[in-house]
PDB file of N, CA and C in Angstrom:
ATOM      1  N   MET A   1     -89.214  23.499  -5.333  1.00  0.00           N
ATOM      2  CA  MET A   1     -88.252  24.079  -4.446  1.00  0.00           C
ATOM      3  C   MET A   1     -88.409  25.572  -4.401  1.00  0.00           C
ATOM      4  N   ASN A   2     -88.065  25.985  -3.341  1.00  0.00           N
ATOM      5  CA  ASN A   2     -88.180  27.382  -2.996  1.00  0.00           C
ATOM      6  C   ASN A   2     -86.942  28.124  -3.507  1.00  0.00           C
ATOM      7  N   THR A   3     -87.070  29.385  -3.910  1.00  0.00           N
ATOM      8  CA  THR A   3     -85.935  30.161  -4.401  1.00  0.00           C
ATOM      9  C   THR A   3     -84.913  30.413  -3.307  1.00  0.00           C
ATOM     10  N   LYS A   4     -85.385  30.507  -2.098  1.00  0.00           N
ATOM     11  CA  LYS A   4     -84.448  30.702  -0.981  1.00  0.00           C
ATOM     12  C   LYS A   4     -83.557  29.479  -0.828  1.00  0.00           C
ATOM     13  N   THR A   5     -84.117  28.338  -0.899  1.00  0.00           N
ATOM     14  CA  THR A   5     -83.359  27.101  -0.758  1.00  0.00           C
ATOM     15  C   THR A   5     -82.414  26.934  -1.945  1.00  0.00           C
ATOM     16  N   LEU A   6     -82.889  27.257  -3.125  1.00  0.00           N
ATOM     17  CA  LEU A   6     -82.052  27.149  -4.311  1.00  0.00           C
ATOM     18  C   LEU A   6     -80.878  28.120  -4.222  1.00  0.00           C
ATOM     19  N   THR A   7     -81.131  29.308  -3.748  1.00  0.00           N
ATOM     20  CA  THR A   7     -80.061  30.304  -3.584  1.00  0.00           C
ATOM     21  C   THR A   7     -79.041  29.815  -2.567  1.00  0.00           C
ATOM     22  N   LEU A   8     -79.501  29.250  -1.466  1.00  0.00           N
ATOM     23  CA  LEU A   8     -78.577  28.726  -0.442  1.00  0.00           C
ATOM     24  C   LEU A   8     -77.739  27.573  -1.000  1.00  0.00           C
ATOM     25  N   ILE A   9     -78.352  26.713  -1.801  1.00  0.00           N
ATOM     26  CA  ILE A   9     -77.611  25.591  -2.391  1.00  0.00           C
ATOM     27  C   ILE A   9     -76.555  26.107  -3.371  1.00  0.00           C
ATOM     28  N   VAL A  10     -76.904  27.103  -4.180  1.00  0.00           N
ATOM     29  CA  VAL A  10     -75.949  27.673  -5.140  1.00  0.00           C
ATOM     30  C   VAL A  10     -74.810  28.350  -4.395  1.00  0.00           C
ATOM     31  N   ILE A  11     -75.131  29.104  -3.349  1.00  0.00           N
ATOM     32  CA  ILE A  11     -74.095  29.785  -2.554  1.00  0.00           C
ATOM     33  C   ILE A  11     -73.193  28.756  -1.873  1.00  0.00           C
ATOM     34  N   ALA A  12     -73.757  27.690  -1.344  1.00  0.00           N
ATOM     35  CA  ALA A  12     -72.959  26.631  -0.691  1.00  0.00           C
ATOM     36  C   ALA A  12     -72.069  25.939  -1.723  1.00  0.00           C
ATOM     37  N   ALA A  13     -72.582  25.712  -2.933  1.00  0.00           N
ATOM     38  CA  ALA A  13     -71.787  25.084  -3.983  1.00  0.00           C
ATOM     39  C   ALA A  13     -70.624  25.983  -4.396  1.00  0.00           C
ATOM     40  N   ILE A  14     -70.888  27.283  -4.507  1.00  0.00           N
ATOM     41  CA  ILE A  14     -69.820  28.242  -4.865  1.00  0.00           C
ATOM     42  C   ILE A  14     -68.765  28.285  -3.771  1.00  0.00           C
ATOM     43  N   ILE A  15     -69.200  28.285  -2.514  1.00  0.00           N
ATOM     44  CA  ILE A  15     -68.259  28.299  -1.390  1.00  0.00           C
ATOM     45  C   ILE A  15     -67.406  27.025  -1.395  1.00  0.00           C
ATOM     46  N   LEU A  16     -68.033  25.878  -1.620  1.00  0.00           N
ATOM     47  CA  LEU A  16     -67.279  24.617  -1.678  1.00  0.00           C
ATOM     48  C   LEU A  16     -66.305  24.606  -2.857  1.00  0.00           C
ATOM     49  N   LEU A  17     -66.746  25.133  -3.999  1.00  0.00           N
ATOM     50  CA  LEU A  17     -65.893  25.190  -5.178  1.00  0.00           C
ATOM     51  C   LEU A  17     -64.696  26.100  -4.930  1.00  0.00           C
ATOM     52  N   LEU A  18     -64.946  27.279  -4.382  1.00  0.00           N
ATOM     53  CA  LEU A  18     -63.846  28.203  -4.082  1.00  0.00           C
ATOM     54  C   LEU A  18     -62.924  27.638  -2.995  1.00  0.00           C
ATOM     55  N   GLY A  19     -63.501  26.958  -2.020  1.00  0.00           N
ATOM     56  CA  GLY A  19     -62.686  26.335  -0.971  1.00  0.00           C
ATOM     57  C   GLY A  19     -61.796  25.242  -1.539  1.00  0.00           C
ATOM     58  N   GLY A  20     -62.326  24.447  -2.449  1.00  0.00           N
ATOM     59  CA  GLY A  20     -61.529  23.396  -3.094  1.00  0.00           C
ATOM     60  C   GLY A  20     -60.400  23.973  -3.919  1.00  0.00           C
ATOM     61  N   CYS A  21     -60.699  25.031  -4.655  1.00  0.00           N
ATOM     62  CA  CYS A  21     -59.656  25.691  -5.453  1.00  0.00           C
ATOM     63  C   CYS A  21     -58.593  26.301  -4.547  1.00  0.00           C
ATOM     64  N   GLY A  22     -59.014  26.881  -3.452  1.00  0.00           N
ATOM     65  CA  GLY A  22     -58.065  27.478  -2.500  1.00  0.00           C
ATOM     66  C   GLY A  22     -57.155  26.427  -1.888  1.00  0.00           C
ATOM     67  N   CYS A  23     -57.727  25.286  -1.525  1.00  0.00           N
ATOM     68  CA  CYS A  23     -56.912  24.200  -0.964  1.00  0.00           C
ATOM     69  C   CYS A  23     -55.920  23.679  -1.998  1.00  0.00           C
ATOM     70  N   ASN A  24     -56.381  23.599  -3.238  1.00  0.00           N
ATOM     71  CA  ASN A  24     -55.503  23.123  -4.306  1.00  0.00           C
ATOM     72  C   ASN A  24     -54.339  24.090  -4.513  1.00  0.00           C
ATOM     73  N   LYS A  25     -54.603  25.377  -4.506  1.00  0.00           N
ATOM     74  CA  LYS A  25     -53.552  26.392  -4.659  1.00  0.00           C
ATOM     75  C   LYS A  25     -52.571  26.334  -3.481  1.00  0.00           C
ATOM     76  N   TYR A  26     -53.100  26.168  -2.273  1.00  0.00           N
ATOM     77  CA  TYR A  26     -52.243  26.081  -1.092  1.00  0.00           C
ATOM     78  C   TYR A  26     -51.316  24.870  -1.188  1.00  0.00           C
ATOM     79  N   ASN A  27     -51.866  23.735  -1.610  1.00  0.00           N
ATOM     80  CA  ASN A  27     -51.041  22.534  -1.762  1.00  0.00           C
ATOM     81  C   ASN A  27     -49.940  22.751  -2.802  1.00  0.00           C
ATOM     82  N   GLY A  28     -50.255  23.472  -3.869  1.00  0.00           N
ATOM     83  CA  GLY A  28     -49.242  23.794  -4.879  1.00  0.00           C
ATOM     84  C   GLY A  28     -48.137  24.666  -4.309  1.00  0.00           C
ATOM     85  N   LEU A  29     -48.514  25.640  -3.459  1.00  0.00           N
ATOM     86  CA  LEU A  29     -47.506  26.496  -2.823  1.00  0.00           C
ATOM     87  C   LEU A  29     -46.607  25.700  -1.891  1.00  0.00           C
ATOM     88  N   VAL A  30     -47.190  24.800  -1.119  1.00  0.00           N
ATOM     89  CA  VAL A  30     -46.397  23.967  -0.206  1.00  0.00           C
ATOM     90  C   VAL A  30     -45.452  23.075  -1.004  1.00  0.00           C
ATOM     91  N   GLN A  31     -45.941  22.512  -2.097  1.00  0.00           N
ATOM     92  CA  GLN A  31     -45.113  21.652  -2.937  1.00  0.00           C
ATOM     93  C   GLN A  31     -43.955  22.455  -3.549  1.00  0.00           C
ATOM     94  N   GLY A  32     -44.220  23.664  -3.992  1.00  0.00           N
ATOM     95  CA  GLY A  32     -43.162  24.536  -4.531  1.00  0.00           C
ATOM     96  C   GLY A  32     -42.124  24.866  -3.477  1.00  0.00           C
ATOM     97  N   GLU A  33     -42.584  25.149  -2.253  1.00  0.00           N
ATOM     98  CA  GLU A  33     -41.645  25.453  -1.158  1.00  0.00           C
ATOM     99  C   GLU A  33     -40.736  24.259  -0.870  1.00  0.00           C
ATOM    100  N   GLN A  34     -41.301  23.065  -0.886  1.00  0.00           N
ATOM    101  CA  GLN A  34     -40.499  21.862  -0.648  1.00  0.00           C
ATOM    102  C   GLN A  34     -39.482  21.647  -1.768  1.00  0.00           C
ATOM    103  N   ALA A  35     -39.871  21.954  -3.003  1.00  0.00           N
ATOM    104  CA  ALA A  35     -38.940  21.820  -4.131  1.00  0.00           C
ATOM    105  C   ALA A  35     -37.775  22.794  -3.988  1.00  0.00           C
ATOM    106  N   VAL A  36     -38.073  24.015  -3.555  1.00  0.00           N
ATOM    107  CA  VAL A  36     -37.025  25.018  -3.343  1.00  0.00           C
ATOM    108  C   VAL A  36     -36.081  24.569  -2.220  1.00  0.00           C
ATOM    109  N   LYS A  37     -36.631  24.053  -1.132  1.00  0.00           N
ATOM    110  CA  LYS A  37     -35.792  23.580  -0.024  1.00  0.00           C
ATOM    111  C   LYS A  37     -34.887  22.431  -0.468  1.00  0.00           C
ATOM    112  N   GLN A  38     -35.429  21.517  -1.266  1.00  0.00           N
ATOM    113  CA  GLN A  38     -34.628  20.384  -1.735  1.00  0.00           C
ATOM    114  C   GLN A  38     -33.503  20.871  -2.654  1.00  0.00           C
ATOM    115  N   SER A  39     -33.796  21.795  -3.548  1.00  0.00           N
ATOM    116  CA  SER A  39     -32.769  22.329  -4.442  1.00  0.00           C
ATOM    117  C   SER A  39     -31.677  23.040  -3.652  1.00  0.00           C
ATOM    118  N   TRP A  40     -32.055  23.815  -2.664  1.00  0.00           N
ATOM    119  CA  TRP A  40     -31.069  24.534  -1.857  1.00  0.00           C
ATOM    120  C   TRP A  40     -30.208  23.562  -1.044  1.00  0.00           C
ATOM    121  N   SER A  41     -30.800  22.480  -0.549  1.00  0.00           N
ATOM    122  CA  SER A  41     -30.002  21.504   0.198  1.00  0.00           C
ATOM    123  C   SER A  41     -29.015  20.804  -0.737  1.00  0.00           C
ATOM    124  N   ASN A  42     -29.382  20.608  -2.009  1.00  0.00           N
ATOM    125  CA  ASN A  42     -28.432  20.046  -2.976  1.00  0.00           C
ATOM    126  C   ASN A  42     -27.257  20.988  -3.203  1.00  0.00           C
ATOM    127  N   VAL A  43     -27.535  22.279  -3.280  1.00  0.00           N
ATOM    128  CA  VAL A  43     -26.470  23.271  -3.439  1.00  0.00           C
ATOM    129  C   VAL A  43     -25.540  23.250  -2.224  1.00  0.00           C
ATOM    130  N   GLU A  44     -26.105  23.235  -1.023  1.00  0.00           N
ATOM    131  CA  GLU A  44     -25.286  23.212   0.188  1.00  0.00           C
ATOM    132  C   GLU A  44     -24.450  21.936   0.272  1.00  0.00           C
ATOM    133  N   THR A  45     -25.019  20.810  -0.142  1.00  0.00           N
ATOM    134  CA  THR A  45     -24.276  19.549  -0.140  1.00  0.00           C
ATOM    135  C   THR A  45     -23.094  19.619  -1.093  1.00  0.00           C
ATOM    136  N   ASN A  46     -23.302  20.180  -2.273  1.00  0.00           N
ATOM    137  CA  ASN A  46     -22.192  20.313  -3.227  1.00  0.00           C
ATOM    138  C   ASN A  46     -21.106  21.235  -2.697  1.00  0.00           C
ATOM    139  N   TYR A  47     -21.485  22.337  -2.065  1.00  0.00           N
ATOM    140  CA  TYR A  47     -20.486  23.234  -1.478  1.00  0.00           C
ATOM    141  C   TYR A  47     -19.698  22.541  -0.376  1.00  0.00           C
ATOM    142  N   GLN A  48     -20.370  21.767   0.453  1.00  0.00           N
ATOM    143  CA  GLN A  48     -19.686  21.055   1.532  1.00  0.00           C
ATOM    144  C   GLN A  48     -18.724  20.014   0.961  1.00  0.00           C
ATOM    145  N   ARG A  49     -19.133  19.311  -0.079  1.00  0.00           N
ATOM    146  CA  ARG A  49     -18.264  18.311  -0.713  1.00  0.00           C
ATOM    147  C   ARG A  49     -17.030  18.973  -1.302  1.00  0.00           C
ATOM    148  N   ARG A  50     -17.216  20.114  -1.951  1.00  0.00           N
ATOM    149  CA  ARG A  50     -16.068  20.839  -2.503  1.00  0.00           C
ATOM    150  C   ARG A  50     -15.128  21.304  -1.412  1.00  0.00           C
ATOM    151  N   THR A  51     -15.675  21.796  -0.320  1.00  0.00           N
ATOM    152  CA  THR A  51     -14.844  22.236   0.800  1.00  0.00           C
ATOM    153  C   THR A  51     -14.042  21.072   1.351  1.00  0.00           C
ATOM    154  N   ASP A  52     -14.677  19.919   1.493  1.00  0.00           N
ATOM    155  CA  ASP A  52     -13.968  18.738   1.979  1.00  0.00           C
ATOM    156  C   ASP A  52     -12.858  18.326   1.014  1.00  0.00           C
ATOM    157  N   LEU A  53     -13.129  18.401  -0.285  1.00  0.00           N
ATOM    158  CA  LEU A  53     -12.104  18.053  -1.271  1.00  0.00           C
ATOM    159  C   LEU A  53     -10.934  19.033  -1.228  1.00  0.00           C
ATOM    160  N   TYR A  54     -11.230  20.322  -1.080  1.00  0.00           N
ATOM    161  CA  TYR A  54     -10.157  21.311  -0.991  1.00  0.00           C
ATOM    162  C   TYR A  54      -9.289  21.054   0.228  1.00  0.00           C
ATOM    163  N   ASN A  55      -9.920  20.750   1.359  1.00  0.00           N
ATOM    164  CA  ASN A  55      -9.160  20.457   2.569  1.00  0.00           C
ATOM    165  C   ASN A  55      -8.289  19.225   2.374  1.00  0.00           C
ATOM    166  N   SER A  56      -8.799  18.228   1.674  1.00  0.00           N
ATOM    167  CA  SER A  56      -8.029  17.015   1.398  1.00  0.00           C
ATOM    168  C   SER A  56      -6.816  17.334   0.532  1.00  0.00           C
ATOM    169  N   VAL A  57      -6.996  18.149  -0.487  1.00  0.00           N
ATOM    170  CA  VAL A  57      -5.881  18.530  -1.363  1.00  0.00           C
ATOM    171  C   VAL A  57      -4.844  19.334  -0.585  1.00  0.00           C
ATOM    172  N   ILE A  58      -5.295  20.227   0.269  1.00  0.00           N
ATOM    173  CA  ILE A  58      -4.369  21.036   1.067  1.00  0.00           C
ATOM    174  C   ILE A  58      -3.544  20.150   1.990  1.00  0.00           C
ATOM    175  N   LYS A  59      -4.172  19.171   2.638  1.00  0.00           N
ATOM    176  CA  LYS A  59      -3.428  18.256   3.512  1.00  0.00           C
ATOM    177  C   LYS A  59      -2.420  17.435   2.720  1.00  0.00           C
ATOM    178  N   THR A  60      -2.787  17.009   1.522  1.00  0.00           N
ATOM    179  CA  THR A  60      -1.870  16.250   0.678  1.00  0.00           C
ATOM    180  C   THR A  60      -0.665  17.098   0.298  1.00  0.00           C
ATOM    181  N   ILE A  61      -0.912  18.340  -0.074  1.00  0.00           N
ATOM    182  CA  ILE A  61       0.180  19.240  -0.455  1.00  0.00           C
ATOM    183  C   ILE A  61       1.081  19.522   0.737  1.00  0.00           C
ATOM    184  N   GLU A  62       0.493  19.731   1.913  1.00  0.00           N
ATOM    185  CA  GLU A  62       1.310  19.977   3.110  1.00  0.00           C
ATOM    186  C   GLU A  62       2.169  18.765   3.433  1.00  0.00           C
ATOM    187  N   GLY A  63       1.598  17.562   3.321  1.00  0.00           N
ATOM    188  CA  GLY A  63       2.369  16.349   3.574  1.00  0.00           C
ATOM    189  C   GLY A  63       3.508  16.196   2.585  1.00  0.00           C
ATOM    190  N   SER A  64       3.238  16.490   1.333  1.00  0.00           N
ATOM    191  CA  SER A  64       4.275  16.410   0.303  1.00  0.00           C
ATOM    192  C   SER A  64       5.371  17.439   0.565  1.00  0.00           C
ATOM    193  N   ALA A  65       4.985  18.638   0.949  1.00  0.00           N
ATOM    194  CA  ALA A  65       5.972  19.685   1.239  1.00  0.00           C
ATOM    195  C   ALA A  65       6.831  19.298   2.435  1.00  0.00           C
ATOM    196  N   ASN A  66       6.223  18.733   3.477  1.00  0.00           N
ATOM    197  CA  ASN A  66       6.996  18.297   4.640  1.00  0.00           C
ATOM    198  C   ASN A  66       7.965  17.186   4.268  1.00  0.00           C
ATOM    199  N   PHE A  67       7.532  16.249   3.428  1.00  0.00           N
ATOM    200  CA  PHE A  67       8.410  15.168   2.995  1.00  0.00           C
ATOM    201  C   PHE A  67       9.583  15.721   2.197  1.00  0.00           C
ATOM    202  N   GLU A  68       9.293  16.653   1.287  1.00  0.00           N
ATOM    203  CA  GLU A  68      10.367  17.253   0.497  1.00  0.00           C
ATOM    204  C   GLU A  68      11.338  18.024   1.372  1.00  0.00           C
ATOM    205  N   LYS A  69      10.800  18.720   2.368  1.00  0.00           N
ATOM    206  CA  LYS A  69      11.662  19.489   3.258  1.00  0.00           C
ATOM    207  C   LYS A  69      12.591  18.558   4.037  1.00  0.00           C
ATOM    208  N   SER A  70      12.046  17.464   4.554  1.00  0.00           N
ATOM    209  CA  SER A  70      12.879  16.534   5.318  1.00  0.00           C
ATOM    210  C   SER A  70      13.906  15.858   4.407  1.00  0.00           C
ATOM    211  N   THR A  71      13.516  15.528   3.167  1.00  0.00           N
ATOM    212  CA  THR A  71      14.461  14.921   2.226  1.00  0.00           C
ATOM    213  C   THR A  71      15.577  15.896   1.880  1.00  0.00           C
ATOM    214  N   LEU A  72      15.239  17.138   1.645  1.00  0.00           N
ATOM    215  CA  LEU A  72      16.250  18.148   1.342  1.00  0.00           C
ATOM    216  C   LEU A  72      17.188  18.337   2.527  1.00  0.00           C
ATOM    217  N   LYS A  73      16.632  18.345   3.724  1.00  0.00           N
ATOM    218  CA  LYS A  73      17.455  18.495   4.926  1.00  0.00           C
ATOM    219  C   LYS A  73      18.436  17.326   5.051  1.00  0.00           C
ATOM    220  N   GLU A  74      17.959  16.099   4.775  1.00  0.00           N
ATOM    221  CA  GLU A  74      18.842  14.933   4.839  1.00  0.00           C
ATOM    222  C   GLU A  74      19.946  15.020   3.790  1.00  0.00           C
ATOM    223  N   VAL A  75      19.608  15.475   2.591  1.00  0.00           N
ATOM    224  CA  VAL A  75      20.614  15.606   1.537  1.00  0.00           C
ATOM    225  C   VAL A  75      21.655  16.639   1.930  1.00  0.00           C
ATOM    226  N   ILE A  76      21.218  17.753   2.464  1.00  0.00           N
ATOM    227  CA  ILE A  76      22.155  18.806   2.867  1.00  0.00           C
ATOM    228  C   ILE A  76      23.058  18.313   3.994  1.00  0.00           C
ATOM    229  N   ASP A  77      22.483  17.630   4.979  1.00  0.00           N
ATOM    230  CA  ASP A  77      23.294  17.102   6.084  1.00  0.00           C
ATOM    231  C   ASP A  77      24.295  16.067   5.587  1.00  0.00           C
ATOM    232  N   ALA A  78      23.846  15.170   4.719  1.00  0.00           N
ATOM    233  CA  ALA A  78      24.755  14.137   4.202  1.00  0.00           C
ATOM    234  C   ALA A  78      25.868  14.760   3.372  1.00  0.00           C
ATOM    235  N   ARG A  79      25.543  15.775   2.597  1.00  0.00           N
ATOM    236  CA  ARG A  79      26.566  16.430   1.782  1.00  0.00           C
ATOM    237  C   ARG A  79      27.569  17.167   2.648  1.00  0.00           C
ATOM    238  N   SER A  80      27.077  17.820   3.703  1.00  0.00           N
ATOM    239  CA  SER A  80      28.008  18.530   4.584  1.00  0.00           C
ATOM    240  C   SER A  80      28.904  17.552   5.341  1.00  0.00           C
ATOM    241  N   LYS A  81      28.355  16.386   5.736  1.00  0.00           N
ATOM    242  CA  LYS A  81      29.187  15.376   6.395  1.00  0.00           C
ATOM    243  C   LYS A  81      30.211  14.797   5.428  1.00  0.00           C
ATOM    244  N   ALA A  82      29.781  14.574   4.182  1.00  0.00           N
ATOM    245  CA  ALA A  82      30.695  13.986   3.199  1.00  0.00           C
ATOM    246  C   ALA A  82      31.829  14.938   2.847  1.00  0.00           C
ATOM    247  N   THR A  83      31.535  16.220   2.825  1.00  0.00           N
ATOM    248  CA  THR A  83      32.586  17.178   2.458  1.00  0.00           C
ATOM    249  C   THR A  83      33.436  17.586   3.647  1.00  0.00           C
ATOM    250  N   SER A  84      32.962  17.329   4.858  1.00  0.00           N
ATOM    251  CA  SER A  84      33.736  17.743   6.029  1.00  0.00           C
ATOM    252  C   SER A  84      34.712  16.671   6.510  1.00  0.00           C
ATOM    253  N   VAL A  85      34.633  15.488   5.957  1.00  0.00           N
ATOM    254  CA  VAL A  85      35.518  14.402   6.387  1.00  0.00           C
ATOM    255  C   VAL A  85      36.883  14.594   5.734  1.00  0.00           C
ATOM    256  N   ASN A  86      37.919  14.611   6.577  1.00  0.00           N
ATOM    257  CA  ASN A  86      39.288  14.677   6.071  1.00  0.00           C
ATOM    258  C   ASN A  86      39.815  13.255   5.930  1.00  0.00           C
ATOM    259  N   VAL A  87      40.275  12.930   4.744  1.00  0.00           N
ATOM    260  CA  VAL A  87      40.735  11.572   4.461  1.00  0.00           C
ATOM    261  C   VAL A  87      42.267  11.543   4.534  1.00  0.00           C
ATOM    262  N   ASP A  88      42.737  10.621   5.340  1.00  0.00           N
ATOM    263  CA  ASP A  88      44.175  10.359   5.415  1.00  0.00           C
ATOM    264  C   ASP A  88      44.385   8.945   4.902  1.00  0.00           C
ATOM    265  N   ILE A  89      45.151   8.797   3.870  1.00  0.00           N
ATOM    266  CA  ILE A  89      45.340   7.498   3.234  1.00  0.00           C
ATOM    267  C   ILE A  89      45.957   6.492   4.197  1.00  0.00           C
ATOM    268  N   ASN A  90      46.776   6.956   5.096  1.00  0.00           N
ATOM    269  CA  ASN A  90      47.449   6.060   6.030  1.00  0.00           C
ATOM    270  C   ASN A  90      46.549   5.636   7.185  1.00  0.00           C
ATOM    271  N   ASP A  91      45.460   6.340   7.425  1.00  0.00           N
ATOM    272  CA  ASP A  91      44.563   6.043   8.549  1.00  0.00           C
ATOM    273  C   ASP A  91      43.309   5.331   8.025  1.00  0.00           C
ATOM    274  N   PRO A  92      43.149   4.021   8.326  1.00  0.00           N
ATOM    275  CA  PRO A  92      41.980   3.302   7.815  1.00  0.00           C
ATOM    276  C   PRO A  92      40.664   3.791   8.424  1.00  0.00           C
ATOM    277  N   GLN A  93      40.726   4.332   9.652  1.00  0.00           N
ATOM    278  CA  GLN A  93      39.504   4.841  10.291  1.00  0.00           C
ATOM    279  C   GLN A  93      38.946   6.045   9.540  1.00  0.00           C
ATOM    280  N   SER A  94      39.795   6.955   9.124  1.00  0.00           N
ATOM    281  CA  SER A  94      39.310   8.131   8.389  1.00  0.00           C
ATOM    282  C   SER A  94      38.766   7.716   7.025  1.00  0.00           C
ATOM    283  N   LEU A  95      39.387   6.701   6.418  1.00  0.00           N
ATOM    284  CA  LEU A  95      38.883   6.191   5.153  1.00  0.00           C
ATOM    285  C   LEU A  95      37.509   5.550   5.340  1.00  0.00           C
ATOM    286  N   GLN A  96      37.345   4.834   6.457  1.00  0.00           N
ATOM    287  CA  GLN A  96      36.043   4.212   6.768  1.00  0.00           C
ATOM    288  C   GLN A  96      34.975   5.292   6.986  1.00  0.00           C
ATOM    289  N   LYS A  97      35.284   6.369   7.713  1.00  0.00           N
ATOM    290  CA  LYS A  97      34.338   7.477   7.934  1.00  0.00           C
ATOM    291  C   LYS A  97      33.949   8.119   6.611  1.00  0.00           C
ATOM    292  N   PHE A  98      34.934   8.290   5.732  1.00  0.00           N
ATOM    293  CA  PHE A  98      34.658   8.885   4.424  1.00  0.00           C
ATOM    294  C   PHE A  98      33.705   8.000   3.630  1.00  0.00           C
ATOM    295  N   GLN A  99      33.933   6.692   3.657  1.00  0.00           N
ATOM    296  CA  GLN A  99      33.066   5.775   2.919  1.00  0.00           C
ATOM    297  C   GLN A  99      31.647   5.772   3.500  1.00  0.00           C
ATOM    298  N   GLU A 100      31.530   5.852   4.827  1.00  0.00           N
ATOM    299  CA  GLU A 100      30.197   5.917   5.450  1.00  0.00           C
ATOM    300  C   GLU A 100      29.473   7.197   5.049  1.00  0.00           C
ATOM    301  N   ALA A 101      30.214   8.314   5.064  1.00  0.00           N
ATOM    302  CA  ALA A 101      29.605   9.590   4.674  1.00  0.00           C
ATOM    303  C   ALA A 101      29.166   9.548   3.216  1.00  0.00           C
ATOM    304  N   GLN A 102      29.975   8.937   2.356  1.00  0.00           N
ATOM    305  CA  GLN A 102      29.600   8.813   0.946  1.00  0.00           C
ATOM    306  C   GLN A 102      28.364   7.919   0.788  1.00  0.00           C
ATOM    307  N   GLY A 103      28.283   6.863   1.590  1.00  0.00           N
ATOM    308  CA  GLY A 103      27.115   5.981   1.550  1.00  0.00           C
ATOM    309  C   GLY A 103      25.851   6.709   1.979  1.00  0.00           C
ATOM    310  N   GLN A 104      25.954   7.527   3.034  1.00  0.00           N
ATOM    311  CA  GLN A 104      24.793   8.319   3.468  1.00  0.00           C
ATOM    312  C   GLN A 104      24.379   9.302   2.390  1.00  0.00           C
ATOM    313  N   LEU A 105      25.364   9.919   1.767  1.00  0.00           N
ATOM    314  CA  LEU A 105      25.074  10.875   0.697  1.00  0.00           C
ATOM    315  C   LEU A 105      24.390  10.172  -0.479  1.00  0.00           C
ATOM    316  N   GLN A 106      24.868   9.000  -0.818  1.00  0.00           N
ATOM    317  CA  GLN A 106      24.260   8.245  -1.918  1.00  0.00           C
ATOM    318  C   GLN A 106      22.824   7.848  -1.571  1.00  0.00           C
ATOM    319  N   GLY A 107      22.579   7.439  -0.320  1.00  0.00           N
ATOM    320  CA  GLY A 107      21.219   7.083   0.097  1.00  0.00           C
ATOM    321  C   GLY A 107      20.282   8.281   0.054  1.00  0.00           C
ATOM    322  N   ALA A 108      20.783   9.431   0.517  1.00  0.00           N
ATOM    323  CA  ALA A 108      19.957  10.639   0.499  1.00  0.00           C
ATOM    324  C   ALA A 108      19.642  11.051  -0.938  1.00  0.00           C
ATOM    325  N   PHE A 109      20.631  10.949  -1.817  1.00  0.00           N
ATOM    326  CA  PHE A 109      20.386  11.302  -3.215  1.00  0.00           C
ATOM    327  C   PHE A 109      19.432  10.317  -3.891  1.00  0.00           C
ATOM    328  N   SER A 110      19.485   9.054  -3.513  1.00  0.00           N
ATOM    329  CA  SER A 110      18.558   8.098  -4.120  1.00  0.00           C
ATOM    330  C   SER A 110      17.121   8.404  -3.692  1.00  0.00           C
ATOM    331  N   ARG A 111      16.930   8.826  -2.411  1.00  0.00           N
ATOM    332  CA  ARG A 111      15.587   9.226  -1.972  1.00  0.00           C
ATOM    333  C   ARG A 111      15.137  10.473  -2.721  1.00  0.00           C
ATOM    334  N   LEU A 112      16.085  11.386  -2.936  1.00  0.00           N
ATOM    335  CA  LEU A 112      15.758  12.612  -3.665  1.00  0.00           C
ATOM    336  C   LEU A 112      15.349  12.288  -5.100  1.00  0.00           C
ATOM    337  N   MET A 113      16.031  11.356  -5.731  1.00  0.00           N
ATOM    338  CA  MET A 113      15.678  10.971  -7.095  1.00  0.00           C
ATOM    339  C   MET A 113      14.313  10.280  -7.117  1.00  0.00           C
ATOM    340  N   ALA A 114      14.016   9.474  -6.085  1.00  0.00           N
ATOM    341  CA  ALA A 114      12.706   8.817  -6.020  1.00  0.00           C
ATOM    342  C   ALA A 114      11.598   9.848  -5.879  1.00  0.00           C
ATOM    343  N   VAL A 115      11.871  10.905  -5.114  1.00  0.00           N
ATOM    344  CA  VAL A 115      10.883  11.979  -4.958  1.00  0.00           C
ATOM    345  C   VAL A 115      10.687  12.688  -6.291  1.00  0.00           C
ATOM    346  N   ALA A 116      11.777  12.952  -6.993  1.00  0.00           N
ATOM    347  CA  ALA A 116      11.671  13.658  -8.269  1.00  0.00           C
ATOM    348  C   ALA A 116      10.927  12.813  -9.295  1.00  0.00           C
ATOM    349  N   GLU A 117      11.118  11.486  -9.284  1.00  0.00           N
ATOM    350  CA  GLU A 117      10.445  10.622 -10.248  1.00  0.00           C
ATOM    351  C   GLU A 117       8.968  10.462  -9.922  1.00  0.00           C
ATOM    352  N   ALA A 118       8.621  10.435  -8.641  1.00  0.00           N
ATOM    353  CA  ALA A 118       7.240  10.200  -8.242  1.00  0.00           C
ATOM    354  C   ALA A 118       6.538  11.490  -7.829  1.00  0.00           C
ATOM    355  N   TYR A 119       6.948  12.605  -8.388  1.00  0.00           N
ATOM    356  CA  TYR A 119       6.343  13.885  -8.013  1.00  0.00           C
ATOM    357  C   TYR A 119       4.897  13.915  -8.486  1.00  0.00           C
ATOM    358  N   PRO A 120       3.967  14.265  -7.600  1.00  0.00           N
ATOM    359  CA  PRO A 120       2.547  14.225  -7.987  1.00  0.00           C
ATOM    360  C   PRO A 120       2.205  15.300  -9.002  1.00  0.00           C
ATOM    361  N   ASN A 121       1.287  14.962  -9.864  1.00  0.00           N
ATOM    362  CA  ASN A 121       0.818  15.908 -10.874  1.00  0.00           C
ATOM    363  C   ASN A 121      -0.491  16.495 -10.357  1.00  0.00           C
ATOM    364  N   LEU A 122      -0.391  17.602  -9.607  1.00  0.00           N
ATOM    365  CA  LEU A 122      -1.569  18.226  -9.007  1.00  0.00           C
ATOM    366  C   LEU A 122      -2.269  19.099 -10.026  1.00  0.00           C
ATOM    367  N   LYS A 123      -3.581  18.930 -10.095  1.00  0.00           N
ATOM    368  CA  LYS A 123      -4.377  19.735 -11.032  1.00  0.00           C
ATOM    369  C   LYS A 123      -5.477  20.429 -10.292  1.00  0.00           C
TER     370      LYS A 123
END
């Protein structure tokens, strides 16, 4: 073999070797980029899940607050009706109104007690 041919073969082998190493390095970079993208998407997914959970807790608290507000309003109305009724012993109608007002007050207080017993333990 001729030295020229041998030199060309050695140069071609070096070029192929360097090209193979370069392709291998490029594939490693692409694989690293994909790993980074996957990790970042996991972070974004966790943030979105937390945001959804916070919104759920906020809606639950708002619903509970609205229920408590309506229960308190009913108790106040029932108490004002019960205290505003004038009872005349000789008039059975006024006695009946007083008993109805007391019944409403008792119902409102029982709902209030149920709310107090079943109050959520938010953490």
